[in-house]
Structure formats: structure tokens, C-alpha cells
PDB file of N, CA and C in Angstrom:
ATOM      1  N   UNK A   1      17.313 -31.275-148.310  1.00  0.00           N
ATOM      2  CA  UNK A   1      16.852 -31.231-149.753  1.00  0.00           C
ATOM      3  C   UNK A   1      17.889 -30.337-150.400  1.00  0.00           C
ATOM      4  N   UNK A   2      18.267 -30.673-151.613  1.00  0.00           N
ATOM      5  CA  UNK A   2      19.138 -29.789-152.452  1.00  0.00           C
ATOM      6  C   UNK A   2      18.368 -28.625-152.910  1.00  0.00           C
ATOM      7  N   UNK A   3      19.010 -27.549-153.419  1.00  0.00           N
ATOM      8  CA  UNK A   3      18.213 -26.423-153.980  1.00  0.00           C
ATOM      9  C   UNK A   3      17.628 -26.884-155.421  1.00  0.00           C
ATOM     10  N   UNK A   4      16.583 -26.125-155.671  1.00  0.00           N
ATOM     11  CA  UNK A   4      15.944 -26.498-156.984  1.00  0.00           C
ATOM     12  C   UNK A   4      16.811 -26.079-158.120  1.00  0.00           C
ATOM     13  N   UNK A   5      16.801 -26.861-159.143  1.00  0.00           N
ATOM     14  CA  UNK A   5      17.598 -26.652-160.306  1.00  0.00           C
ATOM     15  C   UNK A   5      16.894 -26.596-161.716  1.00  0.00           C
ATOM     16  N   UNK A   6      16.984 -25.398-162.327  1.00  0.00           N
ATOM     17  CA  UNK A   6      16.186 -25.225-163.625  1.00  0.00           C
ATOM     18  C   UNK A   6      16.861 -25.960-164.653  1.00  0.00           C
ATOM     19  N   UNK A   7      16.098 -26.543-165.460  1.00  0.00           N
ATOM     20  CA  UNK A   7      16.796 -27.360-166.669  1.00  0.00           C
ATOM     21  C   UNK A   7      16.210 -26.619-167.921  1.00  0.00           C
ATOM     22  N   UNK A   8      17.072 -25.877-168.507  1.00  0.00           N
ATOM     23  CA  UNK A   8      16.671 -25.236-169.869  1.00  0.00           C
ATOM     24  C   UNK A   8      17.465 -25.915-170.934  1.00  0.00           C
ATOM     25  N   UNK A   9      18.523 -26.542-170.773  1.00  0.00           N
ATOM     26  CA  UNK A   9      19.140 -27.211-171.841  1.00  0.00           C
ATOM     27  C   UNK A   9      19.119 -28.658-171.657  1.00  0.00           C
ATOM     28  N   UNK A  10      20.030 -29.244-170.980  1.00  0.00           N
ATOM     29  CA  UNK A  10      20.039 -30.728-170.751  1.00  0.00           C
ATOM     30  C   UNK A  10      20.572 -30.916-169.315  1.00  0.00           C
ATOM     31  N   UNK A  11      20.189 -32.158-168.722  1.00  0.00           N
ATOM     32  CA  UNK A  11      20.716 -32.680-167.570  1.00  0.00           C
ATOM     33  C   UNK A  11      20.903 -34.195-167.717  1.00  0.00           C
ATOM     34  N   UNK A  12      21.860 -34.747-166.943  1.00  0.00           N
ATOM     35  CA  UNK A  12      22.153 -36.272-167.093  1.00  0.00           C
ATOM     36  C   UNK A  12      21.336 -36.943-165.972  1.00  0.00           C
ATOM     37  N   UNK A  13      21.161 -38.122-166.353  1.00  0.00           N
ATOM     38  CA  UNK A  13      20.390 -39.158-165.293  1.00  0.00           C
ATOM     39  C   UNK A  13      21.248 -39.190-164.078  1.00  0.00           C
ATOM     40  N   UNK A  14      22.566 -39.028-164.253  1.00  0.00           N
ATOM     41  CA  UNK A  14      23.491 -39.093-163.089  1.00  0.00           C
ATOM     42  C   UNK A  14      23.247 -37.939-162.056  1.00  0.00           C
ATOM     43  N   UNK A  15      23.090 -36.693-162.761  1.00  0.00           N
ATOM     44  CA  UNK A  15      22.808 -35.553-161.949  1.00  0.00           C
ATOM     45  C   UNK A  15      21.457 -35.672-161.324  1.00  0.00           C
ATOM     46  N   UNK A  16      20.470 -36.199-162.039  1.00  0.00           N
ATOM     47  CA  UNK A  16      19.182 -36.370-161.360  1.00  0.00           C
ATOM     48  C   UNK A  16      19.213 -37.362-160.153  1.00  0.00           C
ATOM     49  N   UNK A  17      20.050 -38.371-160.391  1.00  0.00           N
ATOM     50  CA  UNK A  17      20.207 -39.395-159.245  1.00  0.00           C
ATOM     51  C   UNK A  17      20.820 -38.655-158.008  1.00  0.00           C
ATOM     52  N   UNK A  18      21.892 -37.868-158.266  1.00  0.00           N
ATOM     53  CA  UNK A  18      22.473 -37.092-157.244  1.00  0.00           C
ATOM     54  C   UNK A  18      21.595 -36.234-156.403  1.00  0.00           C
ATOM     55  N   UNK A  19      20.663 -35.550-157.147  1.00  0.00           N
ATOM     56  CA  UNK A  19      19.618 -34.694-156.545  1.00  0.00           C
ATOM     57  C   UNK A  19      18.624 -35.505-155.831  1.00  0.00           C
ATOM     58  N   UNK A  20      18.190 -36.642-156.405  1.00  0.00           N
ATOM     59  CA  UNK A  20      17.277 -37.569-155.805  1.00  0.00           C
ATOM     60  C   UNK A  20      17.780 -38.134-154.515  1.00  0.00           C
ATOM     61  N   UNK A  21      19.085 -38.533-154.484  1.00  0.00           N
ATOM     62  CA  UNK A  21      19.761 -39.072-153.218  1.00  0.00           C
ATOM     63  C   UNK A  21      19.767 -38.039-152.143  1.00  0.00           C
ATOM     64  N   UNK A  22      19.802 -36.797-152.434  1.00  0.00           N
ATOM     65  CA  UNK A  22      19.913 -35.795-151.401  1.00  0.00           C
ATOM     66  C   UNK A  22      18.516 -35.354-150.902  1.00  0.00           C
ATOM     67  N   UNK A  23      17.479 -36.048-151.404  1.00  0.00           N
ATOM     68  CA  UNK A  23      16.124 -35.668-150.951  1.00  0.00           C
ATOM     69  C   UNK A  23      15.313 -36.924-150.801  1.00  0.00           C
ATOM     70  N   UNK A  24      14.637 -37.500-151.694  1.00  0.00           N
ATOM     71  CA  UNK A  24      13.626 -38.606-151.610  1.00  0.00           C
ATOM     72  C   UNK A  24      14.306 -39.969-151.867  1.00  0.00           C
ATOM     73  N   UNK A  25      15.544 -40.000-152.207  1.00  0.00           N
ATOM     74  CA  UNK A  25      16.197 -41.339-152.470  1.00  0.00           C
ATOM     75  C   UNK A  25      16.237 -41.741-153.843  1.00  0.00           C
ATOM     76  N   UNK A  26      15.212 -42.456-154.383  1.00  0.00           N
ATOM     77  CA  UNK A  26      15.097 -42.931-155.702  1.00  0.00           C
ATOM     78  C   UNK A  26      14.343 -42.064-156.637  1.00  0.00           C
ATOM     79  N   UNK A  27      13.612 -41.028-156.057  1.00  0.00           N
ATOM     80  CA  UNK A  27      12.864 -40.302-156.994  1.00  0.00           C
ATOM     81  C   UNK A  27      13.226 -38.720-156.873  1.00  0.00           C
ATOM     82  N   UNK A  28      12.958 -37.950-157.931  1.00  0.00           N
ATOM     83  CA  UNK A  28      13.011 -36.593-157.869  1.00  0.00           C
ATOM     84  C   UNK A  28      11.834 -35.909-158.441  1.00  0.00           C
ATOM     85  N   UNK A  29      11.319 -34.929-157.765  1.00  0.00           N
ATOM     86  CA  UNK A  29      10.169 -34.159-158.297  1.00  0.00           C
ATOM     87  C   UNK A  29      10.532 -33.211-159.374  1.00  0.00           C
ATOM     88  N   UNK A  30       9.717 -32.986-160.242  1.00  0.00           N
ATOM     89  CA  UNK A  30       9.912 -32.018-161.421  1.00  0.00           C
ATOM     90  C   UNK A  30       8.629 -31.398-161.879  1.00  0.00           C
ATOM     91  N   UNK A  31       8.702 -30.198-162.325  1.00  0.00           N
ATOM     92  CA  UNK A  31       7.541 -29.588-163.041  1.00  0.00           C
ATOM     93  C   UNK A  31       8.104 -29.157-164.431  1.00  0.00           C
ATOM     94  N   UNK A  32       7.296 -29.569-165.341  1.00  0.00           N
ATOM     95  CA  UNK A  32       7.583 -29.316-166.764  1.00  0.00           C
ATOM     96  C   UNK A  32       6.627 -28.138-167.321  1.00  0.00           C
ATOM     97  N   UNK A  33       7.307 -27.260-168.083  1.00  0.00           N
ATOM     98  CA  UNK A  33       6.592 -26.227-168.796  1.00  0.00           C
ATOM     99  C   UNK A  33       6.456 -26.710-170.245  1.00  0.00           C
ATOM    100  N   UNK A  34       5.272 -27.079-170.558  1.00  0.00           N
ATOM    101  CA  UNK A  34       5.070 -27.727-171.929  1.00  0.00           C
ATOM    102  C   UNK A  34       5.148 -26.672-172.933  1.00  0.00           C
ATOM    103  N   UNK A  35       4.883 -25.369-172.719  1.00  0.00           N
ATOM    104  CA  UNK A  35       5.034 -24.534-173.751  1.00  0.00           C
ATOM    105  C   UNK A  35       6.565 -24.006-173.992  1.00  0.00           C
ATOM    106  N   UNK A  36       7.277 -23.788-172.887  1.00  0.00           N
ATOM    107  CA  UNK A  36       8.597 -23.346-172.962  1.00  0.00           C
ATOM    108  C   UNK A  36       9.621 -24.436-173.144  1.00  0.00           C
ATOM    109  N   UNK A  37       9.167 -25.743-172.858  1.00  0.00           N
ATOM    110  CA  UNK A  37      10.001 -26.960-173.073  1.00  0.00           C
ATOM    111  C   UNK A  37      11.274 -26.844-171.998  1.00  0.00           C
ATOM    112  N   UNK A  38      10.951 -26.530-170.801  1.00  0.00           N
ATOM    113  CA  UNK A  38      11.900 -26.420-169.737  1.00  0.00           C
ATOM    114  C   UNK A  38      11.305 -27.134-168.472  1.00  0.00           C
ATOM    115  N   UNK A  39      12.090 -27.378-167.503  1.00  0.00           N
ATOM    116  CA  UNK A  39      11.630 -27.960-166.173  1.00  0.00           C
ATOM    117  C   UNK A  39      12.518 -27.492-165.020  1.00  0.00           C
ATOM    118  N   UNK A  40      11.855 -27.572-163.873  1.00  0.00           N
ATOM    119  CA  UNK A  40      12.742 -27.388-162.659  1.00  0.00           C
ATOM    120  C   UNK A  40      12.663 -28.751-161.842  1.00  0.00           C
ATOM    121  N   UNK A  41      13.765 -29.055-161.376  1.00  0.00           N
ATOM    122  CA  UNK A  41      13.797 -30.448-160.475  1.00  0.00           C
ATOM    123  C   UNK A  41      14.416 -29.980-159.109  1.00  0.00           C
ATOM    124  N   UNK A  42      14.062 -30.886-158.181  1.00  0.00           N
ATOM    125  CA  UNK A  42      14.865 -30.782-156.882  1.00  0.00           C
ATOM    126  C   UNK A  42      14.038 -30.200-155.780  1.00  0.00           C
ATOM    127  N   UNK A  43      12.835 -29.758-156.052  1.00  0.00           N
ATOM    128  CA  UNK A  43      11.947 -29.157-154.996  1.00  0.00           C
ATOM    129  C   UNK A  43      11.428 -30.145-153.990  1.00  0.00           C
ATOM    130  N   UNK A  44      11.100 -29.741-152.760  1.00  0.00           N
ATOM    131  CA  UNK A  44      10.575 -30.571-151.769  1.00  0.00           C
ATOM    132  C   UNK A  44       9.089 -30.861-152.244  1.00  0.00           C
ATOM    133  N   UNK A  45       8.391 -29.890-152.838  1.00  0.00           N
ATOM    134  CA  UNK A  45       6.982 -30.005-153.239  1.00  0.00           C
ATOM    135  C   UNK A  45       7.024 -29.443-154.812  1.00  0.00           C
ATOM    136  N   UNK A  46       6.018 -30.200-155.475  1.00  0.00           N
ATOM    137  CA  UNK A  46       5.938 -29.697-156.837  1.00  0.00           C
ATOM    138  C   UNK A  46       5.456 -28.284-156.882  1.00  0.00           C
ATOM    139  N   UNK A  47       4.775 -27.769-155.841  1.00  0.00           N
ATOM    140  CA  UNK A  47       4.321 -26.439-155.849  1.00  0.00           C
ATOM    141  C   UNK A  47       5.491 -25.394-155.766  1.00  0.00           C
ATOM    142  N   UNK A  48       6.542 -25.827-155.128  1.00  0.00           N
ATOM    143  CA  UNK A  48       7.680 -24.983-155.132  1.00  0.00           C
ATOM    144  C   UNK A  48       8.293 -24.862-156.479  1.00  0.00           C
ATOM    145  N   UNK A  49       8.553 -25.883-157.227  1.00  0.00           N
ATOM    146  CA  UNK A  49       8.890 -25.750-158.526  1.00  0.00           C
ATOM    147  C   UNK A  49       8.040 -25.060-159.455  1.00  0.00           C
ATOM    148  N   UNK A  50       6.766 -25.230-159.301  1.00  0.00           N
ATOM    149  CA  UNK A  50       5.736 -24.437-160.055  1.00  0.00           C
ATOM    150  C   UNK A  50       5.922 -22.978-159.779  1.00  0.00           C
ATOM    151  N   UNK A  51       6.050 -22.568-158.636  1.00  0.00           N
ATOM    152  CA  UNK A  51       6.319 -21.236-158.213  1.00  0.00           C
ATOM    153  C   UNK A  51       7.501 -20.610-158.827  1.00  0.00           C
ATOM    154  N   UNK A  52       8.547 -21.424-158.739  1.00  0.00           N
ATOM    155  CA  UNK A  52       9.825 -20.972-159.423  1.00  0.00           C
ATOM    156  C   UNK A  52       9.569 -20.627-160.941  1.00  0.00           C
ATOM    157  N   UNK A  53       8.885 -21.545-161.653  1.00  0.00           N
ATOM    158  CA  UNK A  53       8.641 -21.376-162.974  1.00  0.00           C
ATOM    159  C   UNK A  53       7.731 -20.233-163.323  1.00  0.00           C
ATOM    160  N   UNK A  54       6.672 -19.996-162.490  1.00  0.00           N
ATOM    161  CA  UNK A  54       5.778 -18.842-162.623  1.00  0.00           C
ATOM    162  C   UNK A  54       6.539 -17.545-162.439  1.00  0.00           C
ATOM    163  N   UNK A  55       7.434 -17.599-161.405  1.00  0.00           N
ATOM    164  CA  UNK A  55       8.321 -16.303-161.337  1.00  0.00           C
ATOM    165  C   UNK A  55       9.262 -16.084-162.497  1.00  0.00           C
ATOM    166  N   UNK A  56       9.541 -17.078-163.306  1.00  0.00           N
ATOM    167  CA  UNK A  56      10.432 -17.104-164.312  1.00  0.00           C
ATOM    168  C   UNK A  56       9.718 -16.812-165.594  1.00  0.00           C
ATOM    169  N   UNK A  57       8.399 -16.651-165.617  1.00  0.00           N
ATOM    170  CA  UNK A  57       7.687 -16.280-166.823  1.00  0.00           C
ATOM    171  C   UNK A  57       6.683 -17.293-167.400  1.00  0.00           C
ATOM    172  N   UNK A  58       6.601 -18.491-166.713  1.00  0.00           N
ATOM    173  CA  UNK A  58       5.736 -19.514-167.279  1.00  0.00           C
ATOM    174  C   UNK A  58       4.308 -19.194-166.988  1.00  0.00           C
ATOM    175  N   UNK A  59       3.424 -19.906-167.761  1.00  0.00           N
ATOM    176  CA  UNK A  59       1.909 -19.733-167.466  1.00  0.00           C
ATOM    177  C   UNK A  59       1.443 -20.994-166.840  1.00  0.00           C
ATOM    178  N   UNK A  60       0.615 -20.890-165.729  1.00  0.00           N
ATOM    179  CA  UNK A  60       0.252 -22.123-165.047  1.00  0.00           C
ATOM    180  C   UNK A  60      -0.444 -23.182-165.776  1.00  0.00           C
ATOM    181  N   UNK A  61      -1.282 -22.844-166.799  1.00  0.00           N
ATOM    182  CA  UNK A  61      -1.911 -23.994-167.494  1.00  0.00           C
ATOM    183  C   UNK A  61      -0.883 -24.853-168.240  1.00  0.00           C
ATOM    184  N   UNK A  62       0.283 -24.388-168.472  1.00  0.00           N
ATOM    185  CA  UNK A  62       1.290 -25.240-169.179  1.00  0.00           C
ATOM    186  C   UNK A  62       2.248 -26.041-168.321  1.00  0.00           C
ATOM    187  N   UNK A  63       1.990 -25.967-166.905  1.00  0.00           N
ATOM    188  CA  UNK A  63       2.879 -26.602-165.998  1.00  0.00           C
ATOM    189  C   UNK A  63       2.223 -27.827-165.386  1.00  0.00           C
ATOM    190  N   UNK A  64       3.018 -28.886-165.491  1.00  0.00           N
ATOM    191  CA  UNK A  64       2.591 -30.256-165.077  1.00  0.00           C
ATOM    192  C   UNK A  64       3.728 -30.884-164.132  1.00  0.00           C
ATOM    193  N   UNK A  65       3.169 -31.468-163.053  1.00  0.00           N
ATOM    194  CA  UNK A  65       4.040 -32.009-162.059  1.00  0.00           C
ATOM    195  C   UNK A  65       4.241 -33.485-162.331  1.00  0.00           C
ATOM    196  N   UNK A  66       5.482 -33.950-162.211  1.00  0.00           N
ATOM    197  CA  UNK A  66       5.760 -35.334-162.478  1.00  0.00           C
ATOM    198  C   UNK A  66       6.850 -35.729-161.397  1.00  0.00           C
ATOM    199  N   UNK A  67       7.093 -37.154-161.355  1.00  0.00           N
ATOM    200  CA  UNK A  67       8.189 -37.619-160.529  1.00  0.00           C
ATOM    201  C   UNK A  67       9.114 -38.386-161.585  1.00  0.00           C
ATOM    202  N   UNK A  68      10.382 -38.319-161.413  1.00  0.00           N
ATOM    203  CA  UNK A  68      11.280 -39.070-162.189  1.00  0.00           C
ATOM    204  C   UNK A  68      12.143 -39.936-161.300  1.00  0.00           C
ATOM    205  N   UNK A  69      12.381 -41.200-161.839  1.00  0.00           N
ATOM    206  CA  UNK A  69      13.120 -42.287-161.166  1.00  0.00           C
ATOM    207  C   UNK A  69      14.432 -42.557-162.084  1.00  0.00           C
ATOM    208  N   UNK A  70      15.462 -41.813-161.796  1.00  0.00           N
ATOM    209  CA  UNK A  70      16.586 -41.799-162.739  1.00  0.00           C
ATOM    210  C   UNK A  70      17.314 -43.193-162.903  1.00  0.00           C
ATOM    211  N   UNK A  71      17.149 -44.070-161.984  1.00  0.00           N
ATOM    212  CA  UNK A  71      17.837 -45.401-162.056  1.00  0.00           C
ATOM    213  C   UNK A  71      16.938 -46.348-162.850  1.00  0.00           C
ATOM    214  N   UNK A  72      15.696 -45.988-163.144  1.00  0.00           N
ATOM    215  CA  UNK A  72      14.751 -46.846-163.905  1.00  0.00           C
ATOM    216  C   UNK A  72      14.906 -46.557-165.383  1.00  0.00           C
ATOM    217  N   UNK A  73      15.388 -47.634-166.149  1.00  0.00           N
ATOM    218  CA  UNK A  73      15.572 -47.389-167.592  1.00  0.00           C
ATOM    219  C   UNK A  73      14.371 -47.640-168.414  1.00  0.00           C
ATOM    220  N   UNK A  74      13.210 -48.040-167.823  1.00  0.00           N
ATOM    221  CA  UNK A  74      12.075 -48.372-168.537  1.00  0.00           C
ATOM    222  C   UNK A  74      11.263 -46.989-168.759  1.00  0.00           C
ATOM    223  N   UNK A  75      10.181 -47.042-169.654  1.00  0.00           N
ATOM    224  CA  UNK A  75       9.395 -45.851-169.876  1.00  0.00           C
ATOM    225  C   UNK A  75       8.627 -45.495-168.636  1.00  0.00           C
ATOM    226  N   UNK A  76       8.604 -46.343-167.642  1.00  0.00           N
ATOM    227  CA  UNK A  76       7.916 -45.978-166.383  1.00  0.00           C
ATOM    228  C   UNK A  76       8.700 -45.163-165.445  1.00  0.00           C
ATOM    229  N   UNK A  77       9.933 -44.660-165.929  1.00  0.00           N
ATOM    230  CA  UNK A  77      10.806 -43.798-165.087  1.00  0.00           C
ATOM    231  C   UNK A  77      10.155 -42.439-164.869  1.00  0.00           C
ATOM    232  N   UNK A  78       9.055 -42.080-165.743  1.00  0.00           N
ATOM    233  CA  UNK A  78       8.361 -40.888-165.586  1.00  0.00           C
ATOM    234  C   UNK A  78       7.075 -41.185-164.921  1.00  0.00           C
ATOM    235  N   UNK A  79       6.702 -40.623-163.823  1.00  0.00           N
ATOM    236  CA  UNK A  79       5.454 -40.856-163.119  1.00  0.00           C
ATOM    237  C   UNK A  79       4.624 -39.617-163.067  1.00  0.00           C
ATOM    238  N   UNK A  80       3.388 -39.651-163.692  1.00  0.00           N
ATOM    239  CA  UNK A  80       2.546 -38.464-163.863  1.00  0.00           C
ATOM    240  C   UNK A  80       1.652 -38.331-162.595  1.00  0.00           C
ATOM    241  N   UNK A  81       2.209 -37.851-161.589  1.00  0.00           N
ATOM    242  CA  UNK A  81       1.476 -37.732-160.242  1.00  0.00           C
ATOM    243  C   UNK A  81       1.826 -36.508-159.467  1.00  0.00           C
ATOM    244  N   UNK A  82       0.956 -35.656-159.260  1.00  0.00           N
ATOM    245  CA  UNK A  82       1.183 -34.397-158.547  1.00  0.00           C
ATOM    246  C   UNK A  82      -0.112 -33.611-158.098  1.00  0.00           C
ATOM    247  N   UNK A  83      -0.040 -33.214-157.010  1.00  0.00           N
ATOM    248  CA  UNK A  83      -1.356 -32.318-156.638  1.00  0.00           C
ATOM    249  C   UNK A  83      -1.532 -31.070-157.522  1.00  0.00           C
ATOM    250  N   UNK A  84      -0.487 -30.522-158.111  1.00  0.00           N
ATOM    251  CA  UNK A  84      -0.587 -29.361-158.947  1.00  0.00           C
ATOM    252  C   UNK A  84      -1.427 -29.765-160.278  1.00  0.00           C
ATOM    253  N   UNK A  85      -1.459 -31.128-160.519  1.00  0.00           N
ATOM    254  CA  UNK A  85      -2.148 -31.478-161.749  1.00  0.00           C
ATOM    255  C   UNK A  85      -3.662 -31.544-161.547  1.00  0.00           C
ATOM    256  N   UNK A  86      -4.197 -31.343-160.444  1.00  0.00           N
ATOM    257  CA  UNK A  86      -5.708 -31.321-160.272  1.00  0.00           C
ATOM    258  C   UNK A  86      -6.216 -30.018-160.815  1.00  0.00           C
ATOM    259  N   UNK A  87      -6.882 -30.111-161.976  1.00  0.00           N
ATOM    260  CA  UNK A  87      -7.393 -28.935-162.659  1.00  0.00           C
ATOM    261  C   UNK A  87      -8.647 -29.344-163.466  1.00  0.00           C
ATOM    262  N   UNK A  88      -9.750 -29.256-162.676  1.00  0.00           N
ATOM    263  CA  UNK A  88     -10.997 -29.698-163.411  1.00  0.00           C
ATOM    264  C   UNK A  88     -11.234 -28.735-164.495  1.00  0.00           C
ATOM    265  N   UNK A  89     -10.915 -27.464-164.345  1.00  0.00           N
ATOM    266  CA  UNK A  89     -11.188 -26.515-165.431  1.00  0.00           C
ATOM    267  C   UNK A  89     -10.525 -26.761-166.712  1.00  0.00           C
ATOM    268  N   UNK A  90      -9.341 -27.476-166.723  1.00  0.00           N
ATOM    269  CA  UNK A  90      -8.713 -27.992-167.808  1.00  0.00           C
ATOM    270  C   UNK A  90      -8.945 -29.516-168.162  1.00  0.00           C
ATOM    271  N   UNK A  91      -9.964 -30.027-167.605  1.00  0.00           N
ATOM    272  CA  UNK A  91     -10.339 -31.385-167.951  1.00  0.00           C
ATOM    273  C   UNK A  91      -9.519 -32.447-167.299  1.00  0.00           C
ATOM    274  N   UNK A  92      -8.743 -32.069-166.209  1.00  0.00           N
ATOM    275  CA  UNK A  92      -7.876 -32.903-165.523  1.00  0.00           C
ATOM    276  C   UNK A  92      -8.261 -32.892-163.987  1.00  0.00           C
ATOM    277  N   UNK A  93      -9.291 -33.855-163.715  1.00  0.00           N
ATOM    278  CA  UNK A  93      -9.767 -33.903-162.246  1.00  0.00           C
ATOM    279  C   UNK A  93      -8.848 -34.616-161.358  1.00  0.00           C
ATOM    280  N   UNK A  94      -7.750 -35.175-161.782  1.00  0.00           N
ATOM    281  CA  UNK A  94      -7.042 -36.017-160.757  1.00  0.00           C
ATOM    282  C   UNK A  94      -5.526 -35.577-160.749  1.00  0.00           C
ATOM    283  N   UNK A  95      -4.762 -36.238-159.777  1.00  0.00           N
ATOM    284  CA  UNK A  95      -3.249 -35.972-159.744  1.00  0.00           C
ATOM    285  C   UNK A  95      -2.507 -36.417-160.837  1.00  0.00           C
ATOM    286  N   UNK A  96      -3.035 -37.244-161.648  1.00  0.00           N
ATOM    287  CA  UNK A  96      -2.326 -37.797-162.798  1.00  0.00           C
ATOM    288  C   UNK A  96      -2.543 -36.811-163.887  1.00  0.00           C
ATOM    289  N   UNK A  97      -1.753 -36.974-164.984  1.00  0.00           N
ATOM    290  CA  UNK A  97      -1.906 -36.346-166.284  1.00  0.00           C
ATOM    291  C   UNK A  97      -2.795 -37.205-167.145  1.00  0.00           C
ATOM    292  N   UNK A  98      -4.129 -36.944-167.221  1.00  0.00           N
ATOM    293  CA  UNK A  98      -4.981 -37.925-167.976  1.00  0.00           C
ATOM    294  C   UNK A  98      -4.986 -37.806-169.392  1.00  0.00           C
ATOM    295  N   UNK A  99      -4.684 -36.710-169.987  1.00  0.00           N
ATOM    296  CA  UNK A  99      -4.694 -36.476-171.420  1.00  0.00           C
ATOM    297  C   UNK A  99      -3.438 -37.179-172.036  1.00  0.00           C
ATOM    298  N   UNK A 100      -3.682 -38.177-172.936  1.00  0.00           N
ATOM    299  CA  UNK A 100      -2.494 -38.981-173.446  1.00  0.00           C
ATOM    300  C   UNK A 100      -1.611 -38.117-174.354  1.00  0.00           C
ATOM    301  N   UNK A 101      -2.156 -37.012-174.905  1.00  0.00           N
ATOM    302  CA  UNK A 101      -1.453 -36.099-175.754  1.00  0.00           C
ATOM    303  C   UNK A 101      -0.461 -35.181-174.839  1.00  0.00           C
ATOM    304  N   UNK A 102      -0.902 -34.712-173.779  1.00  0.00           N
ATOM    305  CA  UNK A 102      -0.038 -34.120-172.883  1.00  0.00           C
ATOM    306  C   UNK A 102       0.984 -35.042-172.251  1.00  0.00           C
ATOM    307  N   UNK A 103       0.589 -36.246-171.962  1.00  0.00           N
ATOM    308  CA  UNK A 103       1.648 -37.231-171.481  1.00  0.00           C
ATOM    309  C   UNK A 103       2.737 -37.379-172.488  1.00  0.00           C
ATOM    310  N   UNK A 104       2.302 -37.520-173.701  1.00  0.00           N
ATOM    311  CA  UNK A 104       3.304 -37.784-174.875  1.00  0.00           C
ATOM    312  C   UNK A 104       4.222 -36.498-175.092  1.00  0.00           C
ATOM    313  N   UNK A 105       3.552 -35.349-174.871  1.00  0.00           N
ATOM    314  CA  UNK A 105       4.445 -34.052-175.070  1.00  0.00           C
ATOM    315  C   UNK A 105       5.461 -34.012-173.888  1.00  0.00           C
ATOM    316  N   UNK A 106       4.974 -34.302-172.579  1.00  0.00           N
ATOM    317  CA  UNK A 106       5.964 -34.342-171.445  1.00  0.00           C
ATOM    318  C   UNK A 106       7.006 -35.400-171.777  1.00  0.00           C
ATOM    319  N   UNK A 107       6.750 -36.539-172.248  1.00  0.00           N
ATOM    320  CA  UNK A 107       7.767 -37.542-172.537  1.00  0.00           C
ATOM    321  C   UNK A 107       8.703 -36.993-173.570  1.00  0.00           C
ATOM    322  N   UNK A 108       8.209 -36.317-174.610  1.00  0.00           N
ATOM    323  CA  UNK A 108       9.150 -35.762-175.572  1.00  0.00           C
ATOM    324  C   UNK A 108      10.044 -34.642-175.061  1.00  0.00           C
ATOM    325  N   UNK A 109       9.522 -33.853-174.217  1.00  0.00           N
ATOM    326  CA  UNK A 109      10.301 -32.808-173.515  1.00  0.00           C
ATOM    327  C   UNK A 109      11.311 -33.395-172.713  1.00  0.00           C
ATOM    328  N   UNK A 110      10.968 -34.417-171.820  1.00  0.00           N
ATOM    329  CA  UNK A 110      11.954 -35.081-170.947  1.00  0.00           C
ATOM    330  C   UNK A 110      13.101 -35.829-171.796  1.00  0.00           C
ATOM    331  N   UNK A 111      12.702 -36.362-172.976  1.00  0.00           N
ATOM    332  CA  UNK A 111      13.699 -36.990-173.836  1.00  0.00           C
ATOM    333  C   UNK A 111      14.642 -35.903-174.318  1.00  0.00           C
ATOM    334  N   UNK A 112      14.262 -34.685-174.576  1.00  0.00           N
ATOM    335  CA  UNK A 112      15.087 -33.579-175.024  1.00  0.00           C
ATOM    336  C   UNK A 112      16.030 -33.182-173.873  1.00  0.00           C
ATOM    337  N   UNK A 113      15.408 -32.985-172.686  1.00  0.00           N
ATOM    338  CA  UNK A 113      16.162 -32.491-171.500  1.00  0.00           C
ATOM    339  C   UNK A 113      17.101 -33.437-170.923  1.00  0.00           C
ATOM    340  N   UNK A 114      16.683 -34.724-170.956  1.00  0.00           N
ATOM    341  CA  UNK A 114      17.637 -35.849-170.338  1.00  0.00           C
ATOM    342  C   UNK A 114      17.815 -36.779-171.589  1.00  0.00           C
ATOM    343  N   UNK A 115      18.755 -36.411-172.451  1.00  0.00           N
ATOM    344  CA  UNK A 115      18.930 -37.192-173.689  1.00  0.00           C
ATOM    345  C   UNK A 115      19.622 -38.585-173.530  1.00  0.00           C
ATOM    346  N   UNK A 116      20.134 -38.865-172.448  1.00  0.00           N
ATOM    347  CA  UNK A 116      20.774 -40.305-172.340  1.00  0.00           C
ATOM    348  C   UNK A 116      19.913 -41.386-171.782  1.00  0.00           C
TER     349      UNK A 116
END
């Protein structure tokens, strides 16, 4: 696995693909901070990326785990699936991000961070 990489400005799909190739092949795990509009990619587990962000000042309720498929040019390149998303206290009882507004916010943040 490659080291985790914070994304506070932008990252290319090519770089995401490189990171994916050194780990899971076609996908790369990411955790997005919806408040700070940043993410961390490249962890073996979403919880590793979540911990990185928490240590960097993020608040746990704002963190959502996703998978990115850099070679997929469709809207489905973002997969809302992670164990860190299981939060019944926030109305999210599953691994998916069930709230369509949070999904839309995550998509907007990813569009900013991966502009190509």
C-alpha cells in the first residue's frame, strides 16, 4: 500500500489511478471532510484515513468514507460504501451514505478536488 495522501487543493485522476494501482487495483479508498472540503486517499482502511483527518482537526460527524474508481468516467466513479458511515445516531444506519443531500455535497467536493 502507498502512504496516505491528504488532498487539500486538487489531485488528478492519473494520480488517483497510480495510488489505486499500488493498493486495490482499480479503486482507491477516500474519506471526505464535508465541513473542511478536504479528503485523504490511499489508506488500507477508511478508518486509517478517518484517523488521519481527526488528528488534523476534523470533526467525526463531518467525515464520510467513499471509494473512487479513477478510470470510470461515469457518475458511478464515486461509491458511497464504508464501515465508518454506519451512524444510526446521525440517521445513517448502513455502510452507504443514505442522505441524498450529503451525497450531493460529497460529489461537489470531489468535483472541486478532482477537477478533470
